[in-house]
């Protein structure tokens, strides 16, 4: 079975997403723990299968910090999918057909001006939480 799975991964027929050792909202309450969790999982996947996930999956996360896009981009993720968002923002994005977006991290500087961190990640929000759209 292990050889079959390795063959599927090597052939691109099976792909790992996120790759953490546990779901971040269940076991990783701080950003340091989130990073350690992802790094440990990625090290295991690299040793075992020779791959590093490129897609973050934060489906049932209980909120995202403003640092989420930068952390995931710095960890090498190319995309991120999640399913929890402020209801008003979800409605605005759904109405404008903007549930896929480039999530770019900015910081507010001392003069209240926005400073671009230089990191962004292509983000997909699941409109119906756990379900695909009709």
C-alpha atoms as a PDB file:
ATOM      1  CA  UNK A   1       0.000   0.000   0.000  1.00  0.00           C
ATOM      2  CA  UNK A   2       2.831   2.408   0.860  1.00  0.00           C
ATOM      3  CA  UNK A   3       4.459   1.800  -2.523  1.00  0.00           C
ATOM      4  CA  UNK A   4       1.134   2.358  -4.297  1.00  0.00           C
ATOM      5  CA  UNK A   5       0.640   5.687  -2.522  1.00  0.00           C
ATOM      6  CA  UNK A   6       4.224   6.733  -3.299  1.00  0.00           C
ATOM      7  CA  UNK A   7       3.630   5.837  -6.940  1.00  0.00           C
ATOM      8  CA  UNK A   8       0.426   7.909  -7.070  1.00  0.00           C
ATOM      9  CA  UNK A   9       2.207  10.891  -5.510  1.00  0.00           C
ATOM     10  CA  UNK A  10       5.198  10.562  -7.849  1.00  0.00           C
ATOM     11  CA  UNK A  11       2.860  10.354 -10.855  1.00  0.00           C
ATOM     12  CA  UNK A  12       0.937  13.475  -9.836  1.00  0.00           C
ATOM     13  CA  UNK A  13      -2.289  11.544  -9.275  1.00  0.00           C
ATOM     14  CA  UNK A  14      -2.356  12.232  -5.539  1.00  0.00           C
ATOM     15  CA  UNK A  15      -1.451  15.571  -4.017  1.00  0.00           C
ATOM     16  CA  UNK A  16      -1.177  16.700  -0.413  1.00  0.00           C
ATOM     17  CA  UNK A  17      -2.698  20.021   0.609  1.00  0.00           C
ATOM     18  CA  UNK A  18      -1.659  22.040   3.643  1.00  0.00           C
ATOM     19  CA  UNK A  19       0.531  19.231   4.955  1.00  0.00           C
ATOM     20  CA  UNK A  20       0.526  20.183   8.626  1.00  0.00           C
ATOM     21  CA  UNK A  21       0.625  17.533  11.315  1.00  0.00           C
ATOM     22  CA  UNK A  22      -2.762  18.765  12.620  1.00  0.00           C
ATOM     23  CA  UNK A  23      -5.416  21.278  11.601  1.00  0.00           C
ATOM     24  CA  UNK A  24      -4.224  24.673  12.774  1.00  0.00           C
ATOM     25  CA  UNK A  25      -7.493  25.653  14.450  1.00  0.00           C
ATOM     26  CA  UNK A  26      -7.527  22.473  16.544  1.00  0.00           C
ATOM     27  CA  UNK A  27      -3.968  22.332  17.750  1.00  0.00           C
ATOM     28  CA  UNK A  28      -2.085  25.517  16.819  1.00  0.00           C
ATOM     29  CA  UNK A  29      -3.461  28.606  18.546  1.00  0.00           C
ATOM     30  CA  UNK A  30      -0.443  30.883  17.956  1.00  0.00           C
ATOM     31  CA  UNK A  31       1.469  31.739  14.814  1.00  0.00           C
ATOM     32  CA  UNK A  32       4.630  30.104  16.198  1.00  0.00           C
ATOM     33  CA  UNK A  33       2.740  26.838  16.659  1.00  0.00           C
ATOM     34  CA  UNK A  34       1.145  27.156  13.226  1.00  0.00           C
ATOM     35  CA  UNK A  35       4.610  27.512  11.672  1.00  0.00           C
ATOM     36  CA  UNK A  36       6.066  24.602  13.684  1.00  0.00           C
ATOM     37  CA  UNK A  37       3.068  22.425  12.754  1.00  0.00           C
ATOM     38  CA  UNK A  38       3.410  23.126   9.016  1.00  0.00           C
ATOM     39  CA  UNK A  39       7.203  22.737   9.069  1.00  0.00           C
ATOM     40  CA  UNK A  40       6.980  19.360  10.849  1.00  0.00           C
ATOM     41  CA  UNK A  41       4.354  18.105   8.407  1.00  0.00           C
ATOM     42  CA  UNK A  42       6.276  19.350   5.378  1.00  0.00           C
ATOM     43  CA  UNK A  43       9.487  17.727   6.643  1.00  0.00           C
ATOM     44  CA  UNK A  44       7.647  14.397   6.977  1.00  0.00           C
ATOM     45  CA  UNK A  45       6.143  14.672   3.468  1.00  0.00           C
ATOM     46  CA  UNK A  46       9.517  15.642   1.996  1.00  0.00           C
ATOM     47  CA  UNK A  47      11.268  12.676   3.681  1.00  0.00           C
ATOM     48  CA  UNK A  48       8.517  10.201   2.874  1.00  0.00           C
ATOM     49  CA  UNK A  49       7.334  11.283  -0.580  1.00  0.00           C
ATOM     50  CA  UNK A  50       9.805  13.907  -1.799  1.00  0.00           C
ATOM     51  CA  UNK A  51       7.076  16.568  -2.059  1.00  0.00           C
ATOM     52  CA  UNK A  52       6.149  19.855  -0.411  1.00  0.00           C
ATOM     53  CA  UNK A  53       2.502  20.991  -0.548  1.00  0.00           C
ATOM     54  CA  UNK A  54       1.842  24.173  -2.517  1.00  0.00           C
ATOM     55  CA  UNK A  55      -1.812  24.644  -1.555  1.00  0.00           C
ATOM     56  CA  UNK A  56      -2.996  25.674   1.915  1.00  0.00           C
ATOM     57  CA  UNK A  57      -6.333  24.315   3.106  1.00  0.00           C
ATOM     58  CA  UNK A  58      -7.849  26.164   6.064  1.00  0.00           C
ATOM     59  CA  UNK A  59     -11.394  25.017   5.614  1.00  0.00           C
ATOM     60  CA  UNK A  60     -12.710  25.161   9.167  1.00  0.00           C
ATOM     61  CA  UNK A  61     -10.340  27.627  10.726  1.00  0.00           C
ATOM     62  CA  UNK A  62     -11.925  29.805  13.403  1.00  0.00           C
ATOM     63  CA  UNK A  63     -10.788  33.075  11.910  1.00  0.00           C
ATOM     64  CA  UNK A  64      -7.724  34.275  10.105  1.00  0.00           C
ATOM     65  CA  UNK A  65      -5.292  36.868  11.321  1.00  0.00           C
ATOM     66  CA  UNK A  66      -4.019  39.615   9.086  1.00  0.00           C
ATOM     67  CA  UNK A  67      -0.725  37.721   9.045  1.00  0.00           C
ATOM     68  CA  UNK A  68      -2.221  34.551   7.516  1.00  0.00           C
ATOM     69  CA  UNK A  69      -1.530  35.401   3.858  1.00  0.00           C
ATOM     70  CA  UNK A  70       2.035  36.439   4.571  1.00  0.00           C
ATOM     71  CA  UNK A  71       2.777  33.372   6.726  1.00  0.00           C
ATOM     72  CA  UNK A  72       1.447  30.994   4.078  1.00  0.00           C
ATOM     73  CA  UNK A  73       3.239  32.808   1.250  1.00  0.00           C
ATOM     74  CA  UNK A  74       6.512  32.740   3.207  1.00  0.00           C
ATOM     75  CA  UNK A  75       6.041  28.983   3.771  1.00  0.00           C
ATOM     76  CA  UNK A  76       5.930  28.491   0.010  1.00  0.00           C
ATOM     77  CA  UNK A  77       2.206  28.052  -0.507  1.00  0.00           C
ATOM     78  CA  UNK A  78       0.964  29.307  -3.876  1.00  0.00           C
ATOM     79  CA  UNK A  79      -2.756  29.182  -3.063  1.00  0.00           C
ATOM     80  CA  UNK A  80      -5.051  29.093  -0.058  1.00  0.00           C
ATOM     81  CA  UNK A  81      -8.647  27.870   0.341  1.00  0.00           C
ATOM     82  CA  UNK A  82     -10.820  28.657   3.339  1.00  0.00           C
ATOM     83  CA  UNK A  83     -14.500  28.657   4.315  1.00  0.00           C
ATOM     84  CA  UNK A  84     -15.088  31.100   7.182  1.00  0.00           C
ATOM     85  CA  UNK A  85     -15.392  34.830   6.609  1.00  0.00           C
ATOM     86  CA  UNK A  86     -17.258  37.755   8.103  1.00  0.00           C
ATOM     87  CA  UNK A  87     -20.844  37.404   6.840  1.00  0.00           C
ATOM     88  CA  UNK A  88     -21.070  40.968   5.505  1.00  0.00           C
ATOM     89  CA  UNK A  89     -17.800  40.623   3.596  1.00  0.00           C
ATOM     90  CA  UNK A  90     -18.893  37.221   2.262  1.00  0.00           C
ATOM     91  CA  UNK A  91     -22.112  38.723   0.919  1.00  0.00           C
ATOM     92  CA  UNK A  92     -20.318  41.635  -0.754  1.00  0.00           C
ATOM     93  CA  UNK A  93     -17.741  39.291  -2.315  1.00  0.00           C
ATOM     94  CA  UNK A  94     -20.400  36.808  -3.453  1.00  0.00           C
ATOM     95  CA  UNK A  95     -22.554  39.554  -4.994  1.00  0.00           C
ATOM     96  CA  UNK A  96     -19.544  40.986  -6.842  1.00  0.00           C
ATOM     97  CA  UNK A  97     -18.311  37.500  -7.831  1.00  0.00           C
ATOM     98  CA  UNK A  98     -15.049  38.117  -5.994  1.00  0.00           C
ATOM     99  CA  UNK A  99     -14.678  34.938  -3.913  1.00  0.00           C
ATOM    100  CA  UNK A 100     -11.279  34.322  -5.500  1.00  0.00           C
ATOM    101  CA  UNK A 101      -8.792  37.075  -4.840  1.00  0.00           C
ATOM    102  CA  UNK A 102      -5.156  37.898  -4.290  1.00  0.00           C
ATOM    103  CA  UNK A 103      -4.830  38.264  -0.514  1.00  0.00           C
ATOM    104  CA  UNK A 104      -2.073  40.780   0.018  1.00  0.00           C
ATOM    105  CA  UNK A 105      -0.686  41.588   3.428  1.00  0.00           C
ATOM    106  CA  UNK A 106      -0.350  45.245   4.363  1.00  0.00           C
ATOM    107  CA  UNK A 107       0.561  46.877   7.625  1.00  0.00           C
ATOM    108  CA  UNK A 108      -0.470  50.229   8.991  1.00  0.00           C
ATOM    109  CA  UNK A 109       2.620  52.364   9.534  1.00  0.00           C
ATOM    110  CA  UNK A 110       3.188  54.974  12.209  1.00  0.00           C
ATOM    111  CA  UNK A 111       1.642  57.658   9.982  1.00  0.00           C
ATOM    112  CA  UNK A 112      -1.448  55.449   9.410  1.00  0.00           C
ATOM    113  CA  UNK A 113      -0.301  54.812   5.853  1.00  0.00           C
ATOM    114  CA  UNK A 114      -0.494  51.265   4.491  1.00  0.00           C
ATOM    115  CA  UNK A 115       2.812  49.447   3.975  1.00  0.00           C
ATOM    116  CA  UNK A 116       2.914  46.496   1.558  1.00  0.00           C
ATOM    117  CA  UNK A 117       4.667  43.459   3.048  1.00  0.00           C
ATOM    118  CA  UNK A 118       5.594  42.201  -0.426  1.00  0.00           C
ATOM    119  CA  UNK A 119       3.757  38.905   0.159  1.00  0.00           C
ATOM    120  CA  UNK A 120       0.486  37.762  -1.360  1.00  0.00           C
ATOM    121  CA  UNK A 121      -1.308  34.497  -2.007  1.00  0.00           C
ATOM    122  CA  UNK A 122      -4.061  33.537  -4.446  1.00  0.00           C
ATOM    123  CA  UNK A 123      -7.076  32.785  -2.252  1.00  0.00           C
ATOM    124  CA  UNK A 124     -10.284  30.872  -2.865  1.00  0.00           C
ATOM    125  CA  UNK A 125     -13.223  31.252  -0.505  1.00  0.00           C
ATOM    126  CA  UNK A 126     -15.781  28.426  -0.548  1.00  0.00           C
ATOM    127  CA  UNK A 127     -19.141  30.179  -0.972  1.00  0.00           C
ATOM    128  CA  UNK A 128     -21.238  27.367   0.519  1.00  0.00           C
ATOM    129  CA  UNK A 129     -18.822  26.488   3.331  1.00  0.00           C
ATOM    130  CA  UNK A 130     -18.206  22.737   2.789  1.00  0.00           C
ATOM    131  CA  UNK A 131     -20.117  22.387  -0.466  1.00  0.00           C
ATOM    132  CA  UNK A 132     -19.284  23.129  -4.076  1.00  0.00           C
ATOM    133  CA  UNK A 133     -21.450  25.785  -5.739  1.00  0.00           C
ATOM    134  CA  UNK A 134     -24.571  24.621  -7.614  1.00  0.00           C
END
